[in-house]
C-alpha atoms as a PDB file:
ATOM      1  CA  MET A   1       0.000   0.000   0.000  1.00  0.00           C
ATOM      2  CA  PHE A   2       2.860   2.405   0.730  1.00  0.00           C
ATOM      3  CA  GLU A   3       5.066   1.355  -2.203  1.00  0.00           C
ATOM      4  CA  SER A   4       4.039   4.234  -4.471  1.00  0.00           C
ATOM      5  CA  LEU A   5       4.525   6.814  -1.745  1.00  0.00           C
ATOM      6  CA  MET A   6       7.967   5.355  -1.032  1.00  0.00           C
ATOM      7  CA  LEU A   7       8.699   5.572  -4.756  1.00  0.00           C
ATOM      8  CA  LEU A   8       8.131   9.312  -4.401  1.00  0.00           C
ATOM      9  CA  ALA A   9       9.733   9.821  -0.974  1.00  0.00           C
ATOM     10  CA  GLY A  10      12.875   7.718  -1.484  1.00  0.00           C
ATOM     11  CA  PRO A  11      14.108   9.389  -4.686  1.00  0.00           C
ATOM     12  CA  THR A  12      13.093  12.797  -3.316  1.00  0.00           C
ATOM     13  CA  LEU A  13      15.370  12.287  -0.309  1.00  0.00           C
ATOM     14  CA  VAL A  14      18.217  11.038  -2.513  1.00  0.00           C
ATOM     15  CA  PHE A  15      17.859  14.023  -4.851  1.00  0.00           C
ATOM     16  CA  ARG A  16      17.780  16.442  -1.911  1.00  0.00           C
ATOM     17  CA  LEU A  17      20.893  14.806  -0.447  1.00  0.00           C
ATOM     18  CA  LEU A  18      22.611  15.282  -3.806  1.00  0.00           C
ATOM     19  CA  GLY A  19      21.565  18.928  -3.659  1.00  0.00           C
ATOM     20  CA  ALA A  20      23.026  19.267  -0.172  1.00  0.00           C
ATOM     21  CA  LEU A  21      26.249  17.772  -1.530  1.00  0.00           C
ATOM     22  CA  GLY A  22      26.473  20.561  -4.098  1.00  0.00           C
ATOM     23  CA  ILE A  23      24.545  19.394  -7.159  1.00  0.00           C
ATOM     24  CA  GLY A  24      22.726  22.604  -8.017  1.00  0.00           C
ATOM     25  CA  ARG A  25      19.899  20.935  -9.926  1.00  0.00           C
ATOM     26  CA  PHE A  26      18.585  19.520  -6.639  1.00  0.00           C
ATOM     27  CA  ALA A  27      19.394  22.529  -4.432  1.00  0.00           C
ATOM     28  CA  SER A  28      15.790  22.928  -3.230  1.00  0.00           C
ATOM     29  CA  TRP A  29      13.158  20.618  -1.832  1.00  0.00           C
ATOM     30  CA  ARG A  30      10.867  21.671  -4.658  1.00  0.00           C
ATOM     31  CA  ALA A  31      13.344  20.484  -7.303  1.00  0.00           C
ATOM     32  CA  ALA A  32      13.977  17.264  -5.398  1.00  0.00           C
ATOM     33  CA  VAL A  33      10.281  16.387  -5.047  1.00  0.00           C
ATOM     34  CA  VAL A  34       9.566  17.215  -8.684  1.00  0.00           C
ATOM     35  CA  HIS A  35      12.355  14.858  -9.767  1.00  0.00           C
ATOM     36  CA  GLY A  36      11.046  12.290  -7.273  1.00  0.00           C
ATOM     37  CA  LEU A  37       7.656  12.540  -8.982  1.00  0.00           C
ATOM     38  CA  ALA A  38       9.386  11.961 -12.321  1.00  0.00           C
ATOM     39  CA  VAL A  39      10.880   8.721 -10.953  1.00  0.00           C
ATOM     40  CA  LEU A  40       7.450   7.645  -9.706  1.00  0.00           C
ATOM     41  CA  PHE A  41       5.852   8.274 -13.105  1.00  0.00           C
ATOM     42  CA  MET A  42       8.681   6.546 -14.973  1.00  0.00           C
ATOM     43  CA  ALA A  43       8.098   3.410 -12.907  1.00  0.00           C
ATOM     44  CA  SER A  44       4.324   3.696 -13.024  1.00  0.00           C
ATOM     45  CA  GLY A  45       4.255   4.460 -16.744  1.00  0.00           C
ATOM     46  CA  ALA A  46       6.541   1.518 -17.504  1.00  0.00           C
ATOM     47  CA  ALA A  47       4.236  -0.770 -15.496  1.00  0.00           C
ATOM     48  CA  HIS A  48       1.489  -0.103 -18.040  1.00  0.00           C
ATOM     49  CA  PHE A  49       3.495  -2.143 -20.556  1.00  0.00           C
ATOM     50  CA  VAL A  50       4.693  -4.996 -18.323  1.00  0.00           C
ATOM     51  CA  PRO A  51       3.003  -8.314 -19.041  1.00  0.00           C
ATOM     52  CA  ASP A  52       1.613 -10.218 -16.092  1.00  0.00           C
ATOM     53  CA  GLY A  53       4.460 -11.903 -14.309  1.00  0.00           C
ATOM     54  CA  GLY A  54       4.748 -10.674 -10.766  1.00  0.00           C
ATOM     55  CA  GLY A  55       7.093  -8.075  -9.446  1.00  0.00           C
ATOM     56  CA  VAL A  56       6.912  -5.005  -7.283  1.00  0.00           C
ATOM     57  CA  MET A  57       4.902  -2.835  -9.675  1.00  0.00           C
ATOM     58  CA  PRO A  58       1.484  -3.794 -11.036  1.00  0.00           C
ATOM     59  CA  SER A  59       1.306  -5.289 -14.513  1.00  0.00           C
ATOM     60  CA  HIS A  60      -0.700  -4.266 -17.565  1.00  0.00           C
ATOM     61  CA  ASP A  61      -3.371  -6.824 -16.635  1.00  0.00           C
ATOM     62  CA  ASP A  62      -3.571  -5.492 -13.063  1.00  0.00           C
ATOM     63  CA  LEU A  63      -4.043  -1.959 -14.334  1.00  0.00           C
ATOM     64  CA  THR A  64      -6.602  -3.042 -16.927  1.00  0.00           C
ATOM     65  CA  ALA A  65      -8.641  -4.659 -14.139  1.00  0.00           C
ATOM     66  CA  MET A  66      -8.819  -1.236 -12.444  1.00  0.00           C
ATOM     67  CA  VAL A  67     -10.539   0.397 -15.424  1.00  0.00           C
ATOM     68  CA  PRO A  68     -14.244   0.913 -14.656  1.00  0.00           C
ATOM     69  CA  PRO A  69     -16.658  -1.055 -16.856  1.00  0.00           C
ATOM     70  CA  PHE A  70     -18.093   2.098 -18.467  1.00  0.00           C
ATOM     71  CA  VAL A  71     -14.714   2.917 -20.086  1.00  0.00           C
ATOM     72  CA  PRO A  72     -14.391   1.394 -23.575  1.00  0.00           C
ATOM     73  CA  LEU A  73     -11.231  -0.384 -24.763  1.00  0.00           C
ATOM     74  CA  PRO A  74      -9.580  -0.732 -21.341  1.00  0.00           C
ATOM     75  CA  HIS A  75      -6.356  -2.274 -22.713  1.00  0.00           C
ATOM     76  CA  LEU A  76      -5.838   0.693 -25.031  1.00  0.00           C
ATOM     77  CA  VAL A  77      -6.686   3.132 -22.252  1.00  0.00           C
ATOM     78  CA  VAL A  78      -3.998   1.551 -20.046  1.00  0.00           C
ATOM     79  CA  TYR A  79      -1.429   1.775 -22.846  1.00  0.00           C
ATOM     80  CA  GLY A  80      -2.437   5.387 -23.522  1.00  0.00           C
ATOM     81  CA  THR A  81      -2.183   6.446 -19.894  1.00  0.00           C
ATOM     82  CA  GLY A  82       1.186   4.691 -19.695  1.00  0.00           C
ATOM     83  CA  VAL A  83       2.473   6.743 -22.619  1.00  0.00           C
ATOM     84  CA  LEU A  84       1.137   9.938 -21.023  1.00  0.00           C
ATOM     85  CA  GLU A  85       2.795   9.086 -17.692  1.00  0.00           C
ATOM     86  CA  LEU A  86       6.145   8.444 -19.393  1.00  0.00           C
ATOM     87  CA  LEU A  87       5.893  11.682 -21.380  1.00  0.00           C
ATOM     88  CA  GLY A  88       4.934  13.554 -18.209  1.00  0.00           C
ATOM     89  CA  ALA A  89       7.900  12.113 -16.324  1.00  0.00           C
ATOM     90  CA  ALA A  90      10.267  13.161 -19.105  1.00  0.00           C
ATOM     91  CA  GLY A  91       8.672  16.610 -19.145  1.00  0.00           C
ATOM     92  CA  LEU A  92       9.200  17.071 -15.401  1.00  0.00           C
ATOM     93  CA  VAL A  93      12.962  16.680 -15.790  1.00  0.00           C
ATOM     94  CA  ARG A  94      13.362  19.639 -18.175  1.00  0.00           C
ATOM     95  CA  THR A  95      12.769  23.053 -16.655  1.00  0.00           C
ATOM     96  CA  ALA A  96      11.308  24.368 -19.922  1.00  0.00           C
ATOM     97  CA  THR A  97       8.645  21.649 -20.135  1.00  0.00           C
ATOM     98  CA  ARG A  98       8.011  21.239 -16.404  1.00  0.00           C
ATOM     99  CA  PRO A  99       4.975  23.568 -16.158  1.00  0.00           C
ATOM    100  CA  VAL A 100       3.131  21.824 -19.004  1.00  0.00           C
ATOM    101  CA  ALA A 101       4.134  18.377 -17.746  1.00  0.00           C
ATOM    102  CA  GLY A 102       3.055  19.174 -14.182  1.00  0.00           C
ATOM    103  CA  LEU A 103      -0.312  20.515 -15.294  1.00  0.00           C
ATOM    104  CA  GLY A 104      -0.809  17.610 -17.706  1.00  0.00           C
ATOM    105  CA  LEU A 105      -0.024  15.045 -15.006  1.00  0.00           C
ATOM    106  CA  ALA A 106      -2.366  16.770 -12.541  1.00  0.00           C
ATOM    107  CA  VAL A 107      -5.189  16.593 -15.097  1.00  0.00           C
ATOM    108  CA  LEU A 108      -4.328  12.961 -15.887  1.00  0.00           C
ATOM    109  CA  LEU A 109      -4.424  12.069 -12.187  1.00  0.00           C
ATOM    110  CA  VAL A 110      -7.855  13.677 -11.826  1.00  0.00           C
ATOM    111  CA  LEU A 111      -9.102  11.790 -14.896  1.00  0.00           C
ATOM    112  CA  MET A 112      -7.747   8.512 -13.496  1.00  0.00           C
ATOM    113  CA  LEU A 113      -9.431   9.042 -10.128  1.00  0.00           C
ATOM    114  CA  PRO A 114     -12.559   7.057 -11.143  1.00  0.00           C
ATOM    115  CA  ALA A 115     -10.335   4.038 -11.853  1.00  0.00           C
ATOM    116  CA  ASN A 116      -8.815   4.331  -8.392  1.00  0.00           C
ATOM    117  CA  VAL A 117     -12.237   4.643  -6.776  1.00  0.00           C
ATOM    118  CA  TYR A 118     -13.547   1.682  -8.800  1.00  0.00           C
ATOM    119  CA  ALA A 119     -10.526  -0.457  -7.852  1.00  0.00           C
ATOM    120  CA  ALA A 120     -11.035   0.287  -4.164  1.00  0.00           C
ATOM    121  CA  VAL A 121     -14.816  -0.194  -4.162  1.00  0.00           C
ATOM    122  CA  ALA A 122     -14.749  -3.317  -6.373  1.00  0.00           C
ATOM    123  CA  ASP A 123     -11.854  -4.719  -4.313  1.00  0.00           C
ATOM    124  CA  VAL A 124      -9.526  -5.071  -7.322  1.00  0.00           C
ATOM    125  CA  PRO A 125      -6.148  -6.424  -6.163  1.00  0.00           C
ATOM    126  CA  LEU A 126      -2.849  -5.291  -7.664  1.00  0.00           C
ATOM    127  CA  GLY A 127      -0.824  -8.418  -8.300  1.00  0.00           C
ATOM    128  CA  ASP A 128      -0.436 -10.310  -5.048  1.00  0.00           C
ATOM    129  CA  ASP A 129      -1.394  -7.283  -2.950  1.00  0.00           C
ATOM    130  CA  PRO A 130      -4.958  -6.731  -1.778  1.00  0.00           C
ATOM    131  CA  ALA A 131      -6.910  -3.750  -3.081  1.00  0.00           C
ATOM    132  CA  THR A 132      -5.805  -0.425  -1.685  1.00  0.00           C
ATOM    133  CA  PRO A 133      -8.588   0.950   0.527  1.00  0.00           C
ATOM    134  CA  LEU A 134     -10.342   4.118  -0.555  1.00  0.00           C
ATOM    135  CA  TRP A 135      -9.371   5.938   2.660  1.00  0.00           C
ATOM    136  CA  PHE A 136      -5.727   5.615   1.571  1.00  0.00           C
ATOM    137  CA  ARG A 137      -6.096   5.819  -2.196  1.00  0.00           C
ATOM    138  CA  ILE A 138      -7.824   9.233  -2.358  1.00  0.00           C
ATOM    139  CA  PRO A 139      -5.363  11.126  -0.109  1.00  0.00           C
ATOM    140  CA  GLU A 140      -2.465   9.438  -1.915  1.00  0.00           C
ATOM    141  CA  GLN A 141      -3.831  10.656  -5.241  1.00  0.00           C
ATOM    142  CA  ALA A 142      -4.242  14.146  -3.734  1.00  0.00           C
ATOM    143  CA  VAL A 143      -0.549  14.157  -2.762  1.00  0.00           C
ATOM    144  CA  TYR A 144       0.494  13.332  -6.337  1.00  0.00           C
ATOM    145  CA  ILE A 145      -1.841  15.989  -7.750  1.00  0.00           C
ATOM    146  CA  ALA A 146      -0.423  18.570  -5.330  1.00  0.00           C
ATOM    147  CA  VAL A 147       3.172  17.744  -6.295  1.00  0.00           C
ATOM    148  CA  ALA A 148       2.280  17.850 -10.004  1.00  0.00           C
ATOM    149  CA  LEU A 149       0.712  21.294  -9.493  1.00  0.00           C
ATOM    150  CA  LEU A 150       3.794  22.366  -7.539  1.00  0.00           C
ATOM    151  CA  ALA A 151       5.848  21.333 -10.573  1.00  0.00           C
ATOM    152  CA  ALA A 152       3.551  23.360 -12.826  1.00  0.00           C
ATOM    153  CA  GLY A 153       4.192  26.562 -10.858  1.00  0.00           C
ATOM    154  CA  ARG A 154       6.919  29.031 -11.705  1.00  0.00           C
ATOM    155  CA  PRO A 155      10.354  27.615 -10.722  1.00  0.00           C
ATOM    156  CA  GLY A 156      11.473  30.695  -8.750  1.00  0.00           C
ATOM    157  CA  ALA A 157       8.055  31.544  -7.341  1.00  0.00           C
ATOM    158  CA  ARG A 158       7.863  32.108  -3.614  1.00  0.00           C
ATOM    159  CA  LEU A 159       4.840  32.016  -1.402  1.00  0.00           C
ATOM    160  CA  PRO A 160       3.867  35.509  -0.209  1.00  0.00           C
ATOM    161  CA  ASP A 161       5.196  36.451   3.199  1.00  0.00           C
ATOM    162  CA  ARG A 162       2.273  36.625   5.659  1.00  0.00           C
ATOM    163  CA  ARG A 163       3.940  39.448   7.581  1.00  0.00           C
ATOM    164  CA  ALA A 164       3.665  41.722   4.530  1.00  0.00           C
ATOM    165  CA  HIS A 165      -0.111  41.265   4.525  1.00  0.00           C
ATOM    166  CA  ALA A 166      -0.285  42.138   8.224  1.00  0.00           C
ATOM    167  CA  GLY A 167       1.392  45.508   7.659  1.00  0.00           C
ATOM    168  CA  VAL A 168       4.726  44.364   9.126  1.00  0.00           C
ATOM    169  CA  SER A 169       7.863  45.374   7.287  1.00  0.00           C
ATOM    170  CA  VAL A 170       9.650  42.367   5.788  1.00  0.00           C
ATOM    171  CA  GLU A 171      12.929  44.160   4.996  1.00  0.00           C
END
């Protein structure tokens, strides 16, 4: 159940450590988490093409089982979302394409939410793991959407200082 979150958290920590060691590309937590999200989507996107055969990540068949019955051509939908995830991951790595990739992945995650709800409600397992409960799946999806939207924001953008709004000098 926590594998996907660890696939975001682990690389994020490694990237941030590299930043602390002087690699400028990962000098901020924002850059580290965006690259961590790229790792997550590379692994997840690749899983859309893996034939059934066990392993840590779900297979194409596992993901196809998650597609709600009202969606036509579920195998093609899984391949299509896999391509979009891989393109989004590649887009997150380049600063120039990061805003579009982040926004595109956020939209994709929202569009895939019905599949996650269906998988939880219909008790669809992922490989040998039991179905992820809805109480975990929805907040997990919200985390990924938030990070994708963070990636879509301006790279140097800062949150406004609350003291400035209170009339306190911030100089």
